[in-house]
Amino acid sequence: MRKLTVNLSVTLDGVLQAPGRLDEDRRGGFVHGGWSVPYFDPAQGRAVAEQAEASAPALLFGRRTYEDFFAVWPGRKDNPFTAVLNRAQKYVASTTLSEPLPWANSILLRGDAARTVAALKREDGRDLVVLGSGELVQSLLRAGLVDELVLSIHPLVLGSGRRLFVDGAAAAKFKLADAKTSSTGVVIATYQPLR
């Protein structure tokens, strides 16, 4: 059975919306896009790229994040993470996209995300890593499909924006499996659900 890890950047108040660019996601009038950029630590970025290259997981995206990553990453030639993303097997959970998908090594998962991802986890293959994809993550958490939650917790409060855990989310308990701190004060905490 494949392991499913969620890797997200969040603020202290749980906002995960638009961490990378000002124009990344303006839904709901969000004006704080790009909030993670001042906290970027090049050594941390290299470590993430090296880890991804070594374990070579398959990536799992929701439609919105997949389209955003495809619009940005294949054209970034000066970043070691570009090659990792381009080579990776990518699964996209969507009820609105159709094949063929534009990014190399991309497979469309049709239908209910929780059901299709549960089936994917039962197959042999590389472990799965979800990057971004807040709505998909919430459905996977509700279905009990997440094996590990890696949160890069940034030391700021935005006060608005889409959050990881929304009102009405299912109650859950986690254990802390690992924690590291970047040179810029970002805490990278790895949590595993207690089942």
C-alpha atoms as a PDB file:
ATOM      1  CA  MET A   1       0.000   0.000   0.000  1.00  0.00           C
ATOM      2  CA  ARG A   2       1.276   3.438  -0.898  1.00  0.00           C
ATOM      3  CA  LYS A   3       1.888   6.047   1.766  1.00  0.00           C
ATOM      4  CA  LEU A   4       0.198   9.432   1.248  1.00  0.00           C
ATOM      5  CA  THR A   5       2.004  12.519   2.579  1.00  0.00           C
ATOM      6  CA  VAL A   6       0.565  16.031   2.451  1.00  0.00           C
ATOM      7  CA  ASN A   7       3.158  18.807   2.242  1.00  0.00           C
ATOM      8  CA  LEU A   8       1.815  22.319   2.838  1.00  0.00           C
ATOM      9  CA  SER A   9       2.952  25.799   3.767  1.00  0.00           C
ATOM     10  CA  VAL A  10       0.666  27.434   6.326  1.00  0.00           C
ATOM     11  CA  THR A  11       0.627  30.528   8.519  1.00  0.00           C
ATOM     12  CA  LEU A  12       0.200  30.452  12.284  1.00  0.00           C
ATOM     13  CA  ASP A  13      -3.528  31.008  11.760  1.00  0.00           C
ATOM     14  CA  GLY A  14      -3.711  28.108   9.302  1.00  0.00           C
ATOM     15  CA  VAL A  15      -3.922  30.034   6.005  1.00  0.00           C
ATOM     16  CA  LEU A  16      -2.615  28.044   3.049  1.00  0.00           C
ATOM     17  CA  GLN A  17      -3.915  30.213   0.207  1.00  0.00           C
ATOM     18  CA  ALA A  18      -1.433  31.626  -2.330  1.00  0.00           C
ATOM     19  CA  PRO A  19       1.883  31.185  -0.524  1.00  0.00           C
ATOM     20  CA  GLY A  20       4.075  31.682  -3.607  1.00  0.00           C
ATOM     21  CA  ARG A  21       2.877  34.652  -5.662  1.00  0.00           C
ATOM     22  CA  LEU A  22       0.803  37.783  -5.283  1.00  0.00           C
ATOM     23  CA  ASP A  23      -1.516  36.734  -8.142  1.00  0.00           C
ATOM     24  CA  GLU A  24      -1.572  33.012  -7.321  1.00  0.00           C
ATOM     25  CA  ASP A  25      -5.084  32.833  -5.874  1.00  0.00           C
ATOM     26  CA  ARG A  26      -7.228  35.903  -5.324  1.00  0.00           C
ATOM     27  CA  ARG A  27     -10.431  34.004  -4.504  1.00  0.00           C
ATOM     28  CA  GLY A  28     -12.495  35.728  -1.838  1.00  0.00           C
ATOM     29  CA  GLY A  29     -10.608  39.000  -2.405  1.00  0.00           C
ATOM     30  CA  PHE A  30      -7.385  37.536  -0.950  1.00  0.00           C
ATOM     31  CA  VAL A  31      -4.665  40.202  -1.069  1.00  0.00           C
ATOM     32  CA  HIS A  32      -1.814  38.507   0.818  1.00  0.00           C
ATOM     33  CA  GLY A  33      -0.471  36.300  -1.988  1.00  0.00           C
ATOM     34  CA  GLY A  34       3.229  35.492  -1.848  1.00  0.00           C
ATOM     35  CA  TRP A  35       3.368  35.490   1.947  1.00  0.00           C
ATOM     36  CA  SER A  36       5.885  32.611   2.135  1.00  0.00           C
ATOM     37  CA  VAL A  37       8.500  34.225  -0.123  1.00  0.00           C
ATOM     38  CA  PRO A  38      10.217  36.363   2.564  1.00  0.00           C
ATOM     39  CA  TYR A  39      10.767  33.188   4.588  1.00  0.00           C
ATOM     40  CA  PHE A  40      12.383  31.195   1.791  1.00  0.00           C
ATOM     41  CA  ASP A  41      15.615  29.544   2.873  1.00  0.00           C
ATOM     42  CA  PRO A  42      17.731  28.395  -0.127  1.00  0.00           C
ATOM     43  CA  ALA A  43      19.220  25.552   1.911  1.00  0.00           C
ATOM     44  CA  GLN A  44      15.695  24.375   2.755  1.00  0.00           C
ATOM     45  CA  GLY A  45      14.731  24.524  -0.928  1.00  0.00           C
ATOM     46  CA  ARG A  46      17.747  22.423  -1.915  1.00  0.00           C
ATOM     47  CA  ALA A  47      16.983  19.901   0.820  1.00  0.00           C
ATOM     48  CA  VAL A  48      13.381  19.534  -0.389  1.00  0.00           C
ATOM     49  CA  ALA A  49      14.545  19.046  -3.988  1.00  0.00           C
ATOM     50  CA  GLU A  50      17.169  16.485  -2.938  1.00  0.00           C
ATOM     51  CA  GLN A  51      14.657  14.593  -0.786  1.00  0.00           C
ATOM     52  CA  ALA A  52      12.133  14.529  -3.618  1.00  0.00           C
ATOM     53  CA  GLU A  53      14.794  13.362  -6.064  1.00  0.00           C
ATOM     54  CA  ALA A  54      15.992  10.603  -3.710  1.00  0.00           C
ATOM     55  CA  SER A  55      12.561   9.181  -2.887  1.00  0.00           C
ATOM     56  CA  ALA A  56      11.001  10.127  -6.243  1.00  0.00           C
ATOM     57  CA  PRO A  57       7.403  10.076  -5.012  1.00  0.00           C
ATOM     58  CA  ALA A  58       4.428  10.349  -7.304  1.00  0.00           C
ATOM     59  CA  LEU A  59       2.671  13.701  -6.959  1.00  0.00           C
ATOM     60  CA  LEU A  60      -1.023  14.150  -6.349  1.00  0.00           C
ATOM     61  CA  PHE A  61      -2.745  17.428  -7.214  1.00  0.00           C
ATOM     62  CA  GLY A  62      -6.181  18.915  -7.255  1.00  0.00           C
ATOM     63  CA  ARG A  63      -7.142  20.620 -10.514  1.00  0.00           C
ATOM     64  CA  ARG A  64      -6.475  24.188  -9.446  1.00  0.00           C
ATOM     65  CA  THR A  65      -3.000  23.495  -8.045  1.00  0.00           C
ATOM     66  CA  TYR A  66      -2.069  21.307 -11.024  1.00  0.00           C
ATOM     67  CA  GLU A  67      -2.992  24.069 -13.476  1.00  0.00           C
ATOM     68  CA  ASP A  68      -1.118  26.664 -11.418  1.00  0.00           C
ATOM     69  CA  PHE A  69       2.021  24.507 -11.116  1.00  0.00           C
ATOM     70  CA  PHE A  70       1.935  23.743 -14.862  1.00  0.00           C
ATOM     71  CA  ALA A  71       1.655  27.457 -15.676  1.00  0.00           C
ATOM     72  CA  VAL A  72       4.766  28.240 -13.604  1.00  0.00           C
ATOM     73  CA  TRP A  73       7.182  25.365 -13.065  1.00  0.00           C
ATOM     74  CA  PRO A  74       8.073  23.916 -16.492  1.00  0.00           C
ATOM     75  CA  GLY A  75       9.421  27.357 -17.476  1.00  0.00           C
ATOM     76  CA  ARG A  76      11.653  27.807 -14.410  1.00  0.00           C
ATOM     77  CA  LYS A  77      15.035  26.685 -15.663  1.00  0.00           C
ATOM     78  CA  ASP A  78      17.066  28.110 -12.744  1.00  0.00           C
ATOM     79  CA  ASN A  79      15.457  25.998 -10.027  1.00  0.00           C
ATOM     80  CA  PRO A  80      16.501  22.427  -9.122  1.00  0.00           C
ATOM     81  CA  PHE A  81      12.895  21.568  -8.273  1.00  0.00           C
ATOM     82  CA  THR A  82      11.802  22.070 -11.912  1.00  0.00           C
ATOM     83  CA  ALA A  83      13.455  18.880 -13.134  1.00  0.00           C
ATOM     84  CA  VAL A  84      12.039  16.933 -10.189  1.00  0.00           C
ATOM     85  CA  LEU A  85       8.504  18.116 -10.992  1.00  0.00           C
ATOM     86  CA  ASN A  86       8.843  17.523 -14.724  1.00  0.00           C
ATOM     87  CA  ARG A  87      10.074  13.926 -14.249  1.00  0.00           C
ATOM     88  CA  ALA A  88       7.629  12.982 -11.495  1.00  0.00           C
ATOM     89  CA  GLN A  89       4.535  10.892 -12.095  1.00  0.00           C
ATOM     90  CA  LYS A  90       1.634  13.281 -11.522  1.00  0.00           C
ATOM     91  CA  TYR A  91      -1.931  12.289 -10.633  1.00  0.00           C
ATOM     92  CA  VAL A  92      -4.651  14.908 -10.902  1.00  0.00           C
ATOM     93  CA  ALA A  93      -7.975  14.559  -9.097  1.00  0.00           C
ATOM     94  CA  SER A  94     -10.573  16.463 -11.101  1.00  0.00           C
ATOM     95  CA  THR A  95     -14.154  16.207 -12.265  1.00  0.00           C
ATOM     96  CA  THR A  96     -13.730  18.969 -14.852  1.00  0.00           C
ATOM     97  CA  LEU A  97     -10.448  18.275 -16.683  1.00  0.00           C
ATOM     98  CA  SER A  98     -10.168  15.939 -19.632  1.00  0.00           C
ATOM     99  CA  GLU A  99      -7.267  14.046 -21.157  1.00  0.00           C
ATOM    100  CA  PRO A 100      -4.709  14.468 -22.489  1.00  0.00           C
ATOM    101  CA  LEU A 101      -3.268  16.557 -19.674  1.00  0.00           C
ATOM    102  CA  PRO A 102      -0.614  19.041 -20.815  1.00  0.00           C
ATOM    103  CA  TRP A 103       2.246  18.253 -18.405  1.00  0.00           C
ATOM    104  CA  ALA A 104       4.388  15.185 -19.069  1.00  0.00           C
ATOM    105  CA  ASN A 105       3.729  12.133 -16.881  1.00  0.00           C
ATOM    106  CA  SER A 106       0.250  13.316 -15.820  1.00  0.00           C
ATOM    107  CA  ILE A 107      -2.690  10.976 -15.269  1.00  0.00           C
ATOM    108  CA  LEU A 108      -6.248  12.147 -14.653  1.00  0.00           C
ATOM    109  CA  LEU A 109      -8.152  10.612 -11.721  1.00  0.00           C
ATOM    110  CA  ARG A 110     -11.842  10.912 -12.599  1.00  0.00           C
ATOM    111  CA  GLY A 111     -14.731  10.880 -10.202  1.00  0.00           C
ATOM    112  CA  ASP A 112     -14.886  11.252  -6.442  1.00  0.00           C
ATOM    113  CA  ALA A 113     -11.397  12.194  -5.201  1.00  0.00           C
ATOM    114  CA  ALA A 114     -11.540  10.199  -1.967  1.00  0.00           C
ATOM    115  CA  ARG A 115     -12.644   7.049  -3.774  1.00  0.00           C
ATOM    116  CA  THR A 116     -10.111   7.322  -6.630  1.00  0.00           C
ATOM    117  CA  VAL A 117      -7.237   8.183  -4.289  1.00  0.00           C
ATOM    118  CA  ALA A 118      -8.155   5.289  -1.974  1.00  0.00           C
ATOM    119  CA  ALA A 119      -7.940   2.949  -4.975  1.00  0.00           C
ATOM    120  CA  LEU A 120      -4.620   4.514  -6.034  1.00  0.00           C
ATOM    121  CA  LYS A 121      -3.185   3.987  -2.539  1.00  0.00           C
ATOM    122  CA  ARG A 122      -4.031   0.275  -2.724  1.00  0.00           C
ATOM    123  CA  GLU A 123      -2.009  -0.138  -5.932  1.00  0.00           C
ATOM    124  CA  ASP A 124       1.691  -0.931  -5.987  1.00  0.00           C
ATOM    125  CA  GLY A 125       3.867   2.036  -6.842  1.00  0.00           C
ATOM    126  CA  ARG A 126       5.679   5.015  -5.485  1.00  0.00           C
ATOM    127  CA  ASP A 127       4.427   6.787  -2.399  1.00  0.00           C
ATOM    128  CA  LEU A 128       2.188   9.798  -3.013  1.00  0.00           C
ATOM    129  CA  VAL A 129       2.870  13.403  -2.042  1.00  0.00           C
ATOM    130  CA  VAL A 130       0.233  16.132  -2.207  1.00  0.00           C
ATOM    131  CA  LEU A 131       1.566  19.651  -2.776  1.00  0.00           C
ATOM    132  CA  GLY A 132      -0.866  22.474  -2.078  1.00  0.00           C
ATOM    133  CA  SER A 133      -4.364  21.439  -3.180  1.00  0.00           C
ATOM    134  CA  GLY A 134      -6.195  22.572  -0.032  1.00  0.00           C
ATOM    135  CA  GLU A 135      -9.654  21.371  -1.035  1.00  0.00           C
ATOM    136  CA  LEU A 136      -8.322  17.967  -2.074  1.00  0.00           C
ATOM    137  CA  VAL A 137      -6.403  17.700   1.209  1.00  0.00           C
ATOM    138  CA  GLN A 138      -9.553  18.408   3.206  1.00  0.00           C
ATOM    139  CA  SER A 139     -11.431  15.617   1.425  1.00  0.00           C
ATOM    140  CA  LEU A 140      -8.518  13.198   1.927  1.00  0.00           C
ATOM    141  CA  LEU A 141      -8.339  14.048   5.636  1.00  0.00           C
ATOM    142  CA  ARG A 142     -12.099  13.492   6.009  1.00  0.00           C
ATOM    143  CA  ALA A 143     -11.728  10.087   4.347  1.00  0.00           C
ATOM    144  CA  GLY A 144      -8.798   9.095   6.590  1.00  0.00           C
ATOM    145  CA  LEU A 145      -6.409   8.699   3.644  1.00  0.00           C
ATOM    146  CA  VAL A 146      -3.557  10.930   4.872  1.00  0.00           C
ATOM    147  CA  ASP A 147      -0.649   9.035   6.446  1.00  0.00           C
ATOM    148  CA  GLU A 148       1.554  12.031   7.151  1.00  0.00           C
ATOM    149  CA  LEU A 149       1.084  15.794   7.289  1.00  0.00           C
ATOM    150  CA  VAL A 150       4.230  17.890   6.754  1.00  0.00           C
ATOM    151  CA  LEU A 151       3.462  21.504   7.601  1.00  0.00           C
ATOM    152  CA  SER A 152       5.900  24.345   6.992  1.00  0.00           C
ATOM    153  CA  ILE A 153       4.495  26.723   9.603  1.00  0.00           C
ATOM    154  CA  HIS A 154       5.421  30.318   8.854  1.00  0.00           C
ATOM    155  CA  PRO A 155       5.711  32.803  11.721  1.00  0.00           C
ATOM    156  CA  LEU A 156       2.977  35.193  10.628  1.00  0.00           C
ATOM    157  CA  VAL A 157      -0.771  35.721  10.976  1.00  0.00           C
ATOM    158  CA  LEU A 158      -2.769  36.921   7.958  1.00  0.00           C
ATOM    159  CA  GLY A 159      -6.241  37.053   9.487  1.00  0.00           C
ATOM    160  CA  SER A 160      -7.966  36.034   6.265  1.00  0.00           C
ATOM    161  CA  GLY A 161      -7.700  33.451   3.531  1.00  0.00           C
ATOM    162  CA  ARG A 162      -8.475  29.806   2.904  1.00  0.00           C
ATOM    163  CA  ARG A 163      -7.398  27.635   5.789  1.00  0.00           C
ATOM    164  CA  LEU A 164      -6.253  24.069   6.138  1.00  0.00           C
ATOM    165  CA  PHE A 165      -8.828  23.193   8.779  1.00  0.00           C
ATOM    166  CA  VAL A 166     -12.171  24.857   8.156  1.00  0.00           C
ATOM    167  CA  ASP A 167     -15.084  25.187  10.537  1.00  0.00           C
ATOM    168  CA  GLY A 168     -16.891  21.879  10.658  1.00  0.00           C
ATOM    169  CA  ALA A 169     -13.806  19.782   9.868  1.00  0.00           C
ATOM    170  CA  ALA A 170     -13.826  16.321  11.406  1.00  0.00           C
ATOM    171  CA  ALA A 171     -12.092  16.067  14.763  1.00  0.00           C
ATOM    172  CA  ALA A 172      -8.699  14.366  14.550  1.00  0.00           C
ATOM    173  CA  LYS A 173      -5.624  13.715  16.661  1.00  0.00           C
ATOM    174  CA  PHE A 174      -2.037  13.638  15.445  1.00  0.00           C
ATOM    175  CA  LYS A 175       1.335  12.766  16.906  1.00  0.00           C
ATOM    176  CA  LEU A 176       4.444  14.838  16.203  1.00  0.00           C
ATOM    177  CA  ALA A 177       6.932  12.629  14.339  1.00  0.00           C
ATOM    178  CA  ASP A 178       9.595  15.244  13.533  1.00  0.00           C
ATOM    179  CA  ALA A 179      10.264  18.976  13.723  1.00  0.00           C
ATOM    180  CA  LYS A 180      12.935  21.208  12.220  1.00  0.00           C
ATOM    181  CA  THR A 181      13.362  24.962  12.110  1.00  0.00           C
ATOM    182  CA  SER A 182      14.661  26.912   9.134  1.00  0.00           C
ATOM    183  CA  SER A 183      17.026  29.871   9.424  1.00  0.00           C
ATOM    184  CA  THR A 184      14.024  32.159   8.846  1.00  0.00           C
ATOM    185  CA  GLY A 185      11.903  30.761  11.667  1.00  0.00           C
ATOM    186  CA  VAL A 186       9.718  28.391   9.653  1.00  0.00           C
ATOM    187  CA  VAL A 187       8.914  25.276  11.666  1.00  0.00           C
ATOM    188  CA  ILE A 188       8.697  22.167   9.516  1.00  0.00           C
ATOM    189  CA  ALA A 189       6.543  19.811  11.562  1.00  0.00           C
ATOM    190  CA  THR A 190       5.719  16.255  10.528  1.00  0.00           C
ATOM    191  CA  TYR A 191       2.510  14.873  12.002  1.00  0.00           C
ATOM    192  CA  GLN A 192       1.024  11.405  11.733  1.00  0.00           C
ATOM    193  CA  PRO A 193      -2.656  10.773  12.420  1.00  0.00           C
ATOM    194  CA  LEU A 194      -3.595   8.694  15.429  1.00  0.00           C
ATOM    195  CA  ARG A 195      -6.150   6.195  14.174  1.00  0.00           C
END
